[in-house]
Amino acid sequence: LQQRHLTTYASFAAQFERAAVELAEREQDPRLASLQVSSRQFDRW
């Protein structure tokens, strides 16, 4: 996260959600576009 300058939950969540949309398109699985990580899970990680 530090290397990618994603030091806050908000910045991580935005990138994660973009990646989920891209994955959904690539895998042709629309349910993947709604994947999210909660702030609590982010803190645990």
All heavy atoms as atom14 arrays in JSON, in Angstrom:
{
  "sequence": "LQQRHLTTYASFAAQFERAAVELAEREQDPRLASLQVSSRQFDRW",
  "atom14_mask": [
    [1, 1, 1, 1, 1, 1, 1, 1, 0, 0, 0, 0, 0, 0],
    [1, 1, 1, 1, 1, 1, 1, 1, 1, 0, 0, 0, 0, 0],
    [1, 1, 1, 1, 1, 1, 1, 1, 1, 0, 0, 0, 0, 0],
    [1, 1, 1, 1, 1, 1, 1, 1, 1, 1, 1, 0, 0, 0],
    [1, 1, 1, 1, 1, 1, 1, 1, 1, 1, 0, 0, 0, 0],
    [1, 1, 1, 1, 1, 1, 1, 1, 0, 0, 0, 0, 0, 0],
    [1, 1, 1, 1, 1, 1, 1, 0, 0, 0, 0, 0, 0, 0],
    [1, 1, 1, 1, 1, 1, 1, 0, 0, 0, 0, 0, 0, 0],
    [1, 1, 1, 1, 1, 1, 1, 1, 1, 1, 1, 1, 0, 0],
    [1, 1, 1, 1, 1, 0, 0, 0, 0, 0, 0, 0, 0, 0],
    [1, 1, 1, 1, 1, 1, 0, 0, 0, 0, 0, 0, 0, 0],
    [1, 1, 1, 1, 1, 1, 1, 1, 1, 1, 1, 0, 0, 0],
    [1, 1, 1, 1, 1, 0, 0, 0, 0, 0, 0, 0, 0, 0],
    [1, 1, 1, 1, 1, 0, 0, 0, 0, 0, 0, 0, 0, 0],
    [1, 1, 1, 1, 1, 1, 1, 1, 1, 0, 0, 0, 0, 0],
    [1, 1, 1, 1, 1, 1, 1, 1, 1, 1, 1, 0, 0, 0],
    [1, 1, 1, 1, 1, 1, 1, 1, 1, 0, 0, 0, 0, 0],
    [1, 1, 1, 1, 1, 1, 1, 1, 1, 1, 1, 0, 0, 0],
    [1, 1, 1, 1, 1, 0, 0, 0, 0, 0, 0, 0, 0, 0],
    [1, 1, 1, 1, 1, 0, 0, 0, 0, 0, 0, 0, 0, 0],
    [1, 1, 1, 1, 1, 1, 1, 0, 0, 0, 0, 0, 0, 0],
    [1, 1, 1, 1, 1, 1, 1, 1, 1, 0, 0, 0, 0, 0],
    [1, 1, 1, 1, 1, 1, 1, 1, 0, 0, 0, 0, 0, 0],
    [1, 1, 1, 1, 1, 0, 0, 0, 0, 0, 0, 0, 0, 0],
    [1, 1, 1, 1, 1, 1, 1, 1, 1, 0, 0, 0, 0, 0],
    [1, 1, 1, 1, 1, 1, 1, 1, 1, 1, 1, 0, 0, 0],
    [1, 1, 1, 1, 1, 1, 1, 1, 1, 0, 0, 0, 0, 0],
    [1, 1, 1, 1, 1, 1, 1, 1, 1, 0, 0, 0, 0, 0],
    [1, 1, 1, 1, 1, 1, 1, 1, 0, 0, 0, 0, 0, 0],
    [1, 1, 1, 1, 1, 1, 1, 0, 0, 0, 0, 0, 0, 0],
    [1, 1, 1, 1, 1, 1, 1, 1, 1, 1, 1, 0, 0, 0],
    [1, 1, 1, 1, 1, 1, 1, 1, 0, 0, 0, 0, 0, 0],
    [1, 1, 1, 1, 1, 0, 0, 0, 0, 0, 0, 0, 0, 0],
    [1, 1, 1, 1, 1, 1, 0, 0, 0, 0, 0, 0, 0, 0],
    [1, 1, 1, 1, 1, 1, 1, 1, 0, 0, 0, 0, 0, 0],
    [1, 1, 1, 1, 1, 1, 1, 1, 1, 0, 0, 0, 0, 0],
    [1, 1, 1, 1, 1, 1, 1, 0, 0, 0, 0, 0, 0, 0],
    [1, 1, 1, 1, 1, 1, 0, 0, 0, 0, 0, 0, 0, 0],
    [1, 1, 1, 1, 1, 1, 0, 0, 0, 0, 0, 0, 0, 0],
    [1, 1, 1, 1, 1, 1, 1, 1, 1, 1, 1, 0, 0, 0],
    [1, 1, 1, 1, 1, 1, 1, 1, 1, 0, 0, 0, 0, 0],
    [1, 1, 1, 1, 1, 1, 1, 1, 1, 1, 1, 0, 0, 0],
    [1, 1, 1, 1, 1, 1, 1, 1, 0, 0, 0, 0, 0, 0],
    [1, 1, 1, 1, 1, 1, 1, 1, 1, 1, 1, 0, 0, 0],
    [1, 1, 1, 1, 1, 1, 1, 1, 1, 1, 1, 1, 1, 1]
  ],
  "atom14_positions": [
    [[0.83, -1.21, 0.0], [0.0, 0.0, 0.0], [0.86, 1.25, 0.0], [0.57, 2.21, -0.72], [-0.94, 0.01, 1.2], [-2.06, -1.02, 1.19], [-2.88, -0.91, 2.47], [-2.96, -0.84, -0.01], [0.0, 0.0, 0.0], [0.0, 0.0, 0.0], [0.0, 0.0, 0.0], [0.0, 0.0, 0.0], [0.0, 0.0, 0.0], [0.0, 0.0, 0.0]],
    [[1.91, 1.26, 0.79], [2.8, 2.42, 0.83], [3.46, 2.66, -0.52], [3.56, 3.8, -0.96], [3.86, 2.24, 1.92], [3.31, 2.38, 3.31], [4.36, 2.1, 4.38], [5.47, 1.64, 4.11], [3.99, 2.36, 5.62], [0.0, 0.0, 0.0], [0.0, 0.0, 0.0], [0.0, 0.0, 0.0], [0.0, 0.0, 0.0], [0.0, 0.0, 0.0]],
    [[3.89, 1.6, -1.17], [4.51, 1.73, -2.49], [3.56, 2.33, -3.52], [3.98, 3.01, -4.44], [5.01, 0.37, -2.98], [6.19, -0.14, -2.22], [6.58, -1.56, -2.63], [5.86, -2.25, -3.36], [7.72, -2.01, -2.16], [0.0, 0.0, 0.0], [0.0, 0.0, 0.0], [0.0, 0.0, 0.0], [0.0, 0.0, 0.0], [0.0, 0.0, 0.0]],
    [[2.27, 2.05, -3.35], [1.25, 2.53, -4.29], [0.56, 3.8, -3.8], [-0.39, 4.27, -4.4], [0.22, 1.43, -4.54], [0.8, 0.27, -5.33], [-0.08, -0.98, -5.25], [0.42, -2.05, -6.07], [1.39, -2.89, -5.72], [1.99, -2.76, -4.56], [1.77, -3.85, -6.53], [0.0, 0.0, 0.0], [0.0, 0.0, 0.0], [0.0, 0.0, 0.0]],
    [[1.04, 4.35, -2.68], [0.49, 5.57, -2.09], [-0.99, 5.42, -1.75], [-1.78, 6.35, -1.92], [0.73, 6.78, -3.0], [2.17, 6.94, -3.37], [3.12, 7.4, -2.48], [2.83, 6.66, -4.52], [4.3, 7.41, -3.08], [4.16, 6.96, -4.31], [0.0, 0.0, 0.0], [0.0, 0.0, 0.0], [0.0, 0.0, 0.0], [0.0, 0.0, 0.0]],
    [[-1.36, 4.26, -1.28], [-2.74, 3.98, -0.86], [-2.73, 3.86, 0.66], [-2.9, 2.78, 1.22], [-3.25, 2.69, -1.5], [-3.28, 2.66, -3.02], [-3.65, 1.28, -3.53], [-4.25, 3.7, -3.56], [0.0, 0.0, 0.0], [0.0, 0.0, 0.0], [0.0, 0.0, 0.0], [0.0, 0.0, 0.0], [0.0, 0.0, 0.0], [0.0, 0.0, 0.0]],
    [[-2.54, 4.96, 1.34], [-2.32, 4.93, 2.78], [-3.59, 5.16, 3.6], [-3.54, 5.1, 4.82], [-1.26, 5.96, 3.18], [-1.67, 7.25, 2.71], [0.09, 5.6, 2.58], [0.0, 0.0, 0.0], [0.0, 0.0, 0.0], [0.0, 0.0, 0.0], [0.0, 0.0, 0.0], [0.0, 0.0, 0.0], [0.0, 0.0, 0.0], [0.0, 0.0, 0.0]],
    [[-4.71, 5.39, 2.95], [-5.97, 5.55, 3.68], [-6.98, 4.53, 3.17], [-6.85, 4.01, 2.06], [-6.57, 6.96, 3.48], [-6.94, 7.11, 2.11], [-5.59, 8.04, 3.89], [0.0, 0.0, 0.0], [0.0, 0.0, 0.0], [0.0, 0.0, 0.0], [0.0, 0.0, 0.0], [0.0, 0.0, 0.0], [0.0, 0.0, 0.0], [0.0, 0.0, 0.0]],
    [[-7.97, 4.26, 4.0], [-9.02, 3.33, 3.59], [-9.72, 3.84, 2.33], [-9.96, 3.06, 1.4], [-10.05, 3.12, 4.71], [-11.26, 2.38, 4.23], [-11.19, 1.03, 3.92], [-12.48, 3.03, 4.03], [-12.29, 0.34, 3.45], [-13.58, 2.35, 3.56], [-13.49, 1.0, 3.27], [-14.57, 0.33, 2.79], [0.0, 0.0, 0.0], [0.0, 0.0, 0.0]],
    [[-10.01, 5.13, 2.28], [-10.73, 5.7, 1.13], [-9.96, 5.49, -0.18], [-10.54, 5.11, -1.2], [-11.01, 7.18, 1.34], [0.0, 0.0, 0.0], [0.0, 0.0, 0.0], [0.0, 0.0, 0.0], [0.0, 0.0, 0.0], [0.0, 0.0, 0.0], [0.0, 0.0, 0.0], [0.0, 0.0, 0.0], [0.0, 0.0, 0.0], [0.0, 0.0, 0.0]],
    [[-8.66, 5.72, -0.15], [-7.87, 5.54, -1.38], [-7.79, 4.06, -1.77], [-7.88, 3.72, -2.95], [-6.47, 6.16, -1.24], [-5.74, 5.53, -0.22], [0.0, 0.0, 0.0], [0.0, 0.0, 0.0], [0.0, 0.0, 0.0], [0.0, 0.0, 0.0], [0.0, 0.0, 0.0], [0.0, 0.0, 0.0], [0.0, 0.0, 0.0], [0.0, 0.0, 0.0]],
    [[-7.62, 3.18, -0.77], [-7.6, 1.75, -1.05], [-8.95, 1.29, -1.61], [-9.0, 0.56, -2.6], [-7.26, 0.96, 0.21], [-7.47, -0.52, 0.05], [-6.54, -1.3, -0.61], [-8.63, -1.13, 0.53], [-6.75, -2.66, -0.78], [-8.84, -2.48, 0.37], [-7.89, -3.25, -0.29], [0.0, 0.0, 0.0], [0.0, 0.0, 0.0], [0.0, 0.0, 0.0]],
    [[-10.03, 1.69, -0.96], [-11.37, 1.25, -1.37], [-11.68, 1.67, -2.8], [-12.25, 0.9, -3.57], [-12.42, 1.8, -0.41], [0.0, 0.0, 0.0], [0.0, 0.0, 0.0], [0.0, 0.0, 0.0], [0.0, 0.0, 0.0], [0.0, 0.0, 0.0], [0.0, 0.0, 0.0], [0.0, 0.0, 0.0], [0.0, 0.0, 0.0], [0.0, 0.0, 0.0]],
    [[-11.29, 2.88, -3.17], [-11.53, 3.35, -4.54], [-10.79, 2.47, -5.55], [-11.36, 2.06, -6.57], [-11.1, 4.81, -4.68], [0.0, 0.0, 0.0], [0.0, 0.0, 0.0], [0.0, 0.0, 0.0], [0.0, 0.0, 0.0], [0.0, 0.0, 0.0], [0.0, 0.0, 0.0], [0.0, 0.0, 0.0], [0.0, 0.0, 0.0], [0.0, 0.0, 0.0]],
    [[-9.53, 2.15, -5.27], [-8.76, 1.29, -6.17], [-9.3, -0.12, -6.2], [-9.37, -0.76, -7.25], [-7.28, 1.29, -5.76], [-6.58, 2.58, -6.04], [-6.5, 2.88, -7.52], [-6.28, 1.98, -8.35], [-6.69, 4.13, -7.87], [0.0, 0.0, 0.0], [0.0, 0.0, 0.0], [0.0, 0.0, 0.0], [0.0, 0.0, 0.0], [0.0, 0.0, 0.0]],
    [[-9.69, -0.62, -5.03], [-10.24, -1.98, -4.96], [-11.52, -2.08, -5.78], [-11.72, -3.04, -6.52], [-10.5, -2.36, -3.49], [-10.93, -3.79, -3.32], [-10.0, -4.78, -3.1], [-12.27, -4.16, -3.41], [-10.39, -6.11, -2.95], [-12.67, -5.48, -3.26], [-11.72, -6.45, -3.04], [0.0, 0.0, 0.0], [0.0, 0.0, 0.0], [0.0, 0.0, 0.0]],
    [[-12.39, -1.09, -5.64], [-13.65, -1.11, -6.38], [-13.42, -1.02, -7.89], [-14.1, -1.69, -8.67], [-14.57, -0.01, -5.87], [-15.08, -0.34, -4.47], [-15.78, 0.82, -3.77], [-16.16, 1.8, -4.46], [-15.95, 0.73, -2.54], [0.0, 0.0, 0.0], [0.0, 0.0, 0.0], [0.0, 0.0, 0.0], [0.0, 0.0, 0.0], [0.0, 0.0, 0.0]],
    [[-12.45, -0.21, -8.31], [-12.11, -0.15, -9.74], [-11.61, -1.51, -10.23], [-11.97, -1.97, -11.31], [-11.04, 0.91, -10.0], [-11.59, 2.28, -10.09], [-10.53, 3.28, -10.56], [-10.84, 4.51, -9.86], [-10.02, 5.19, -9.09], [-8.77, 4.79, -8.94], [-10.39, 6.28, -8.49], [0.0, 0.0, 0.0], [0.0, 0.0, 0.0], [0.0, 0.0, 0.0]],
    [[-10.76, -2.13, -9.43], [-10.23, -3.45, -9.81], [-11.35, -4.48, -9.87], [-11.34, -5.35, -10.75], [-9.16, -3.88, -8.81], [0.0, 0.0, 0.0], [0.0, 0.0, 0.0], [0.0, 0.0, 0.0], [0.0, 0.0, 0.0], [0.0, 0.0, 0.0], [0.0, 0.0, 0.0], [0.0, 0.0, 0.0], [0.0, 0.0, 0.0], [0.0, 0.0, 0.0]],
    [[-12.32, -4.39, -8.97], [-13.45, -5.33, -8.98], [-14.26, -5.19, -10.26], [-14.68, -6.19, -10.86], [-14.33, -5.1, -7.75], [0.0, 0.0, 0.0], [0.0, 0.0, 0.0], [0.0, 0.0, 0.0], [0.0, 0.0, 0.0], [0.0, 0.0, 0.0], [0.0, 0.0, 0.0], [0.0, 0.0, 0.0], [0.0, 0.0, 0.0], [0.0, 0.0, 0.0]],
    [[-14.47, -3.95, -10.7], [-15.22, -3.72, -11.95], [-14.44, -4.3, -13.13], [-15.02, -4.96, -14.0], [-15.51, -2.22, -12.13], [-16.03, -1.92, -13.53], [-16.5, -1.74, -11.08], [0.0, 0.0, 0.0], [0.0, 0.0, 0.0], [0.0, 0.0, 0.0], [0.0, 0.0, 0.0], [0.0, 0.0, 0.0], [0.0, 0.0, 0.0], [0.0, 0.0, 0.0]],
    [[-13.13, -4.05, -13.17], [-12.31, -4.58, -14.25], [-12.32, -6.1, -14.25], [-12.41, -6.74, -15.3], [-10.87, -4.07, -14.13], [-10.73, -2.6, -14.43], [-9.32, -2.09, -14.17], [-8.39, -2.9, -13.98], [-9.17, -0.85, -14.15], [0.0, 0.0, 0.0], [0.0, 0.0, 0.0], [0.0, 0.0, 0.0], [0.0, 0.0, 0.0], [0.0, 0.0, 0.0]],
    [[-12.24, -6.71, -13.08], [-12.28, -8.17, -12.97], [-13.62, -8.7, -13.45], [-13.67, -9.7, -14.17], [-12.02, -8.6, -11.52], [-12.08, -10.1, -11.24], [-10.98, -10.84, -12.02], [-11.96, -10.36, -9.75], [0.0, 0.0, 0.0], [0.0, 0.0, 0.0], [0.0, 0.0, 0.0], [0.0, 0.0, 0.0], [0.0, 0.0, 0.0], [0.0, 0.0, 0.0]],
    [[-14.69, -8.03, -13.06], [-16.03, -8.46, -13.48], [-16.15, -8.46, -15.0], [-16.71, -9.39, -15.59], [-17.09, -7.56, -12.87], [0.0, 0.0, 0.0], [0.0, 0.0, 0.0], [0.0, 0.0, 0.0], [0.0, 0.0, 0.0], [0.0, 0.0, 0.0], [0.0, 0.0, 0.0], [0.0, 0.0, 0.0], [0.0, 0.0, 0.0], [0.0, 0.0, 0.0]],
    [[-15.62, -7.42, -15.63], [-15.66, -7.34, -17.09], [-14.8, -8.43, -17.72], [-15.22, -9.1, -18.66], [-15.2, -5.96, -17.55], [-16.19, -4.87, -17.2], [-15.64, -3.47, -17.46], [-14.47, -3.34, -17.91], [-16.4, -2.51, -17.21], [0.0, 0.0, 0.0], [0.0, 0.0, 0.0], [0.0, 0.0, 0.0], [0.0, 0.0, 0.0], [0.0, 0.0, 0.0]],
    [[-13.6, -8.61, -17.19], [-12.68, -9.61, -17.74], [-13.23, -11.02, -17.6], [-13.13, -11.84, -18.51], [-11.32, -9.49, -17.06], [-10.26, -10.38, -17.7], [-8.91, -10.23, -17.04], [-8.92, -10.87, -15.75], [-8.37, -10.36, -14.65], [-7.76, -9.19, -14.68], [-8.41, -11.02, -13.52], [0.0, 0.0, 0.0], [0.0, 0.0, 0.0], [0.0, 0.0, 0.0]],
    [[-13.82, -11.31, -16.44], [-14.33, -12.65, -16.16], [-15.78, -12.84, -16.62], [-16.31, -13.94, -16.48], [-14.24, -12.94, -14.66], [-12.83, -12.91, -14.11], [-11.99, -14.07, -14.58], [-12.53, -15.19, -14.7], [-10.8, -13.86, -14.84], [0.0, 0.0, 0.0], [0.0, 0.0, 0.0], [0.0, 0.0, 0.0], [0.0, 0.0, 0.0], [0.0, 0.0, 0.0]],
    [[-16.38, -11.78, -17.11], [-17.79, -11.8, -17.52], [-18.67, -12.33, -16.39], [-19.53, -13.18, -16.58], [-17.98, -12.6, -18.8], [-17.23, -12.0, -19.96], [-17.38, -12.8, -21.24], [-17.87, -13.92, -21.24], [-16.98, -12.2, -22.35], [0.0, 0.0, 0.0], [0.0, 0.0, 0.0], [0.0, 0.0, 0.0], [0.0, 0.0, 0.0], [0.0, 0.0, 0.0]],
    [[-18.43, -11.78, -15.2], [-19.16, -12.16, -13.99], [-19.59, -10.87, -13.28], [-18.84, -10.33, -12.46], [-18.27, -13.01, -13.09], [-18.99, -13.55, -11.88], [-20.13, -13.12, -11.6], [-18.42, -14.41, -11.2], [0.0, 0.0, 0.0], [0.0, 0.0, 0.0], [0.0, 0.0, 0.0], [0.0, 0.0, 0.0], [0.0, 0.0, 0.0], [0.0, 0.0, 0.0]],
    [[-20.78, -10.34, -13.59], [-21.21, -9.04, -13.07], [-21.24, -8.95, -11.55], [-21.08, -7.88, -10.99], [-22.61, -8.85, -13.63], [-22.84, -9.94, -14.6], [-21.76, -10.95, -14.46], [0.0, 0.0, 0.0], [0.0, 0.0, 0.0], [0.0, 0.0, 0.0], [0.0, 0.0, 0.0], [0.0, 0.0, 0.0], [0.0, 0.0, 0.0], [0.0, 0.0, 0.0]],
    [[-21.42, -10.05, -10.86], [-21.48, -9.99, -9.4], [-20.16, -9.53, -8.79], [-20.12, -8.95, -7.71], [-21.96, -11.33, -8.86], [-20.99, -12.19, -8.24], [-21.46, -13.6, -7.93], [-20.39, -14.5, -8.31], [-19.26, -14.62, -7.63], [-19.07, -13.95, -6.53], [-18.32, -15.43, -8.05], [0.0, 0.0, 0.0], [0.0, 0.0, 0.0], [0.0, 0.0, 0.0]],
    [[-19.05, -9.76, -9.49], [-17.74, -9.34, -8.97], [-17.62, -7.82, -8.89], [-16.85, -7.31, -8.08], [-16.62, -9.91, -9.84], [-16.49, -11.43, -9.85], [-15.45, -11.87, -10.87], [-16.17, -11.96, -8.47], [0.0, 0.0, 0.0], [0.0, 0.0, 0.0], [0.0, 0.0, 0.0], [0.0, 0.0, 0.0], [0.0, 0.0, 0.0], [0.0, 0.0, 0.0]],
    [[-18.36, -7.09, -9.7], [-18.28, -5.64, -9.71], [-18.74, -5.03, -8.4], [-18.39, -3.89, -8.08], [-19.1, -5.07, -10.87], [0.0, 0.0, 0.0], [0.0, 0.0, 0.0], [0.0, 0.0, 0.0], [0.0, 0.0, 0.0], [0.0, 0.0, 0.0], [0.0, 0.0, 0.0], [0.0, 0.0, 0.0], [0.0, 0.0, 0.0], [0.0, 0.0, 0.0]],
    [[-19.49, -5.77, -7.61], [-20.0, -5.23, -6.35], [-19.13, -5.58, -5.14], [-19.48, -5.26, -4.01], [-21.43, -5.73, -6.1], [-21.44, -7.13, -5.94], [0.0, 0.0, 0.0], [0.0, 0.0, 0.0], [0.0, 0.0, 0.0], [0.0, 0.0, 0.0], [0.0, 0.0, 0.0], [0.0, 0.0, 0.0], [0.0, 0.0, 0.0], [0.0, 0.0, 0.0]],
    [[-18.0, -6.23, -5.37], [-17.12, -6.59, -4.26], [-16.59, -5.34, -3.56], [-16.22, -4.36, -4.22], [-15.92, -7.41, -4.75], [-16.21, -8.82, -5.21], [-14.95, -9.46, -5.78], [-16.76, -9.66, -4.07], [0.0, 0.0, 0.0], [0.0, 0.0, 0.0], [0.0, 0.0, 0.0], [0.0, 0.0, 0.0], [0.0, 0.0, 0.0], [0.0, 0.0, 0.0]],
    [[-16.57, -5.38, -2.25], [-16.04, -4.28, -1.45], [-15.31, -4.86, -0.25], [-15.56, -6.0, 0.15], [-17.16, -3.37, -0.97], [-17.87, -2.65, -2.09], [-18.95, -1.73, -1.55], [-19.47, -1.92, -0.45], [-19.27, -0.71, -2.31], [0.0, 0.0, 0.0], [0.0, 0.0, 0.0], [0.0, 0.0, 0.0], [0.0, 0.0, 0.0], [0.0, 0.0, 0.0]],
    [[-14.45, -4.05, 0.33], [-13.77, -4.41, 1.57], [-14.19, -3.38, 2.61], [-14.09, -2.18, 2.37], [-12.23, -4.39, 1.38], [-11.51, -4.56, 2.7], [-11.81, -5.45, 0.39], [0.0, 0.0, 0.0], [0.0, 0.0, 0.0], [0.0, 0.0, 0.0], [0.0, 0.0, 0.0], [0.0, 0.0, 0.0], [0.0, 0.0, 0.0], [0.0, 0.0, 0.0]],
    [[-14.67, -3.86, 3.75], [-15.09, -2.94, 4.82], [-13.87, -2.26, 5.44], [-12.74, -2.77, 5.35], [-15.87, -3.7, 5.89], [-14.99, -4.53, 6.61], [0.0, 0.0, 0.0], [0.0, 0.0, 0.0], [0.0, 0.0, 0.0], [0.0, 0.0, 0.0], [0.0, 0.0, 0.0], [0.0, 0.0, 0.0], [0.0, 0.0, 0.0], [0.0, 0.0, 0.0]],
    [[-14.11, -1.14, 6.07], [-13.01, -0.44, 6.73], [-12.41, -1.3, 7.84], [-11.2, -1.29, 8.07], [-13.46, 0.91, 7.27], [-14.47, 0.75, 8.23], [0.0, 0.0, 0.0], [0.0, 0.0, 0.0], [0.0, 0.0, 0.0], [0.0, 0.0, 0.0], [0.0, 0.0, 0.0], [0.0, 0.0, 0.0], [0.0, 0.0, 0.0], [0.0, 0.0, 0.0]],
    [[-13.26, -2.07, 8.53], [-12.76, -2.96, 9.58], [-11.85, -4.05, 9.0], [-10.8, -4.36, 9.56], [-13.92, -3.6, 10.35], [-13.49, -4.56, 11.42], [-12.73, -3.86, 12.54], [-12.28, -4.85, 13.51], [-11.04, -4.95, 13.95], [-10.13, -4.11, 13.56], [-10.72, -5.88, 14.81], [0.0, 0.0, 0.0], [0.0, 0.0, 0.0], [0.0, 0.0, 0.0]],
    [[-12.26, -4.63, 7.87], [-11.42, -5.66, 7.24], [-10.1, -5.06, 6.77], [-9.04, -5.65, 6.94], [-12.15, -6.3, 6.07], [-11.43, -7.49, 5.49], [-11.3, -8.63, 6.49], [-12.23, -8.95, 7.21], [-10.15, -9.25, 6.55], [0.0, 0.0, 0.0], [0.0, 0.0, 0.0], [0.0, 0.0, 0.0], [0.0, 0.0, 0.0], [0.0, 0.0, 0.0]],
    [[-10.15, -3.86, 6.21], [-8.94, -3.16, 5.78], [-8.01, -2.98, 6.98], [-6.8, -3.25, 6.88], [-9.33, -1.81, 5.18], [-8.16, -0.94, 4.84], [-7.43, -1.14, 3.69], [-7.8, 0.11, 5.68], [-6.35, -0.32, 3.37], [-6.72, 0.93, 5.38], [-6.01, 0.71, 4.21], [0.0, 0.0, 0.0], [0.0, 0.0, 0.0], [0.0, 0.0, 0.0]],
    [[-8.56, -2.55, 8.11], [-7.74, -2.36, 9.31], [-7.12, -3.66, 9.77], [-5.96, -3.69, 10.21], [-8.58, -1.76, 10.44], [-8.96, -0.31, 10.19], [-8.31, 0.35, 9.34], [-9.92, 0.17, 10.84], [0.0, 0.0, 0.0], [0.0, 0.0, 0.0], [0.0, 0.0, 0.0], [0.0, 0.0, 0.0], [0.0, 0.0, 0.0], [0.0, 0.0, 0.0]],
    [[-7.86, -4.75, 9.69], [-7.32, -6.06, 10.07], [-6.16, -6.45, 9.16], [-5.13, -6.95, 9.62], [-8.4, -7.13, 10.02], [-9.38, -7.05, 11.15], [-10.41, -8.15, 11.03], [-11.37, -8.05, 12.09], [-12.67, -8.27, 11.94], [-13.16, -8.64, 10.78], [-13.48, -8.14, 12.95], [0.0, 0.0, 0.0], [0.0, 0.0, 0.0], [0.0, 0.0, 0.0]],
    [[-6.36, -6.28, 7.86], [-5.29, -6.61, 6.92], [-4.07, -5.73, 7.18], [-2.95, -6.2, 7.18], [-5.76, -6.43, 5.48], [-6.79, -7.4, 5.01], [-7.21, -8.54, 5.63], [-7.54, -7.32, 3.81], [-8.17, -9.17, 4.88], [-8.4, -8.45, 3.76], [-7.59, -6.41, 2.77], [-9.26, -8.68, 2.71], [-8.46, -6.64, 1.72], [-9.3, -7.78, 1.7]]
  ]
}
